[in-house]
């Protein structure tokens, strides 16, 4: 009777569900991916039954966690430098890294702001009404370093440096701007177009030549116990479905 019940349960499950029951991978990801990677992971689970647990933070902070032994299987960085550091230290698979997207930086202000960011761009930050400008902490966030580079390119960094407020990552910088704790913020285009911020603000896309390219890279970690599953997930990230989602959120995908 018990055997018959077990056979019935197995036949009720699809092959993918049978093969992936209780399987999961743990993914560390740059904060700019907080919306799009959740959508990609949900689709992946629907297709395969494999759960993707996500941990979002600044790329540098995640790198430090990995160096300290955090049990991640995959690392999505907002630049290629951190994955290269991990490979050099023997903490990531040297055969696995690839650039999954090119990120874009924007200057965002609330929808009711009188600042004409659409037409005046970064120069609106010189307006005396702008008391605080949110950016990600450049010490460990690639988008923060991009924001500093953009301000230096515009010749404005020294003028407004004392008005910068640092978020732990680019998501927190976006929260500062959205909440009104800052009158403007340099955030990822992925945040500006995400459902949570749509209609709440207006933004100016910072020209690509204002800052070093945000070439975003992913790598499988050397200590992963689920390298096969990690590799299969990365194959899905390269798929048409996933790349369309990345483009939807403003990433440039080759």
Foldseek 3Di string as FASTA:
>chain_A
DVVVVVVVVVVVDDPLCVVCPPAEFEEEEEQLCVPLVVVLQVVVCVVRVYHYHYDYFALQVVLVVLVVPPQHFKYKHLAVVSVVVCVVVVFFDPVFKDQFWWWFKKKKFFPPDPQPCAPPPPVSCVPPVFQAEEFADPVRHPRRQQVLLLCVLVVHCVVCVVRYDHDRHQVVSVVCRLVVVGRMYIHILLVCQDPVNPPGIDIDTRDPVSGPISRMMMTGTPPHPPNVVVVVSVVSCVDPVNVVSCVSSPIGGD
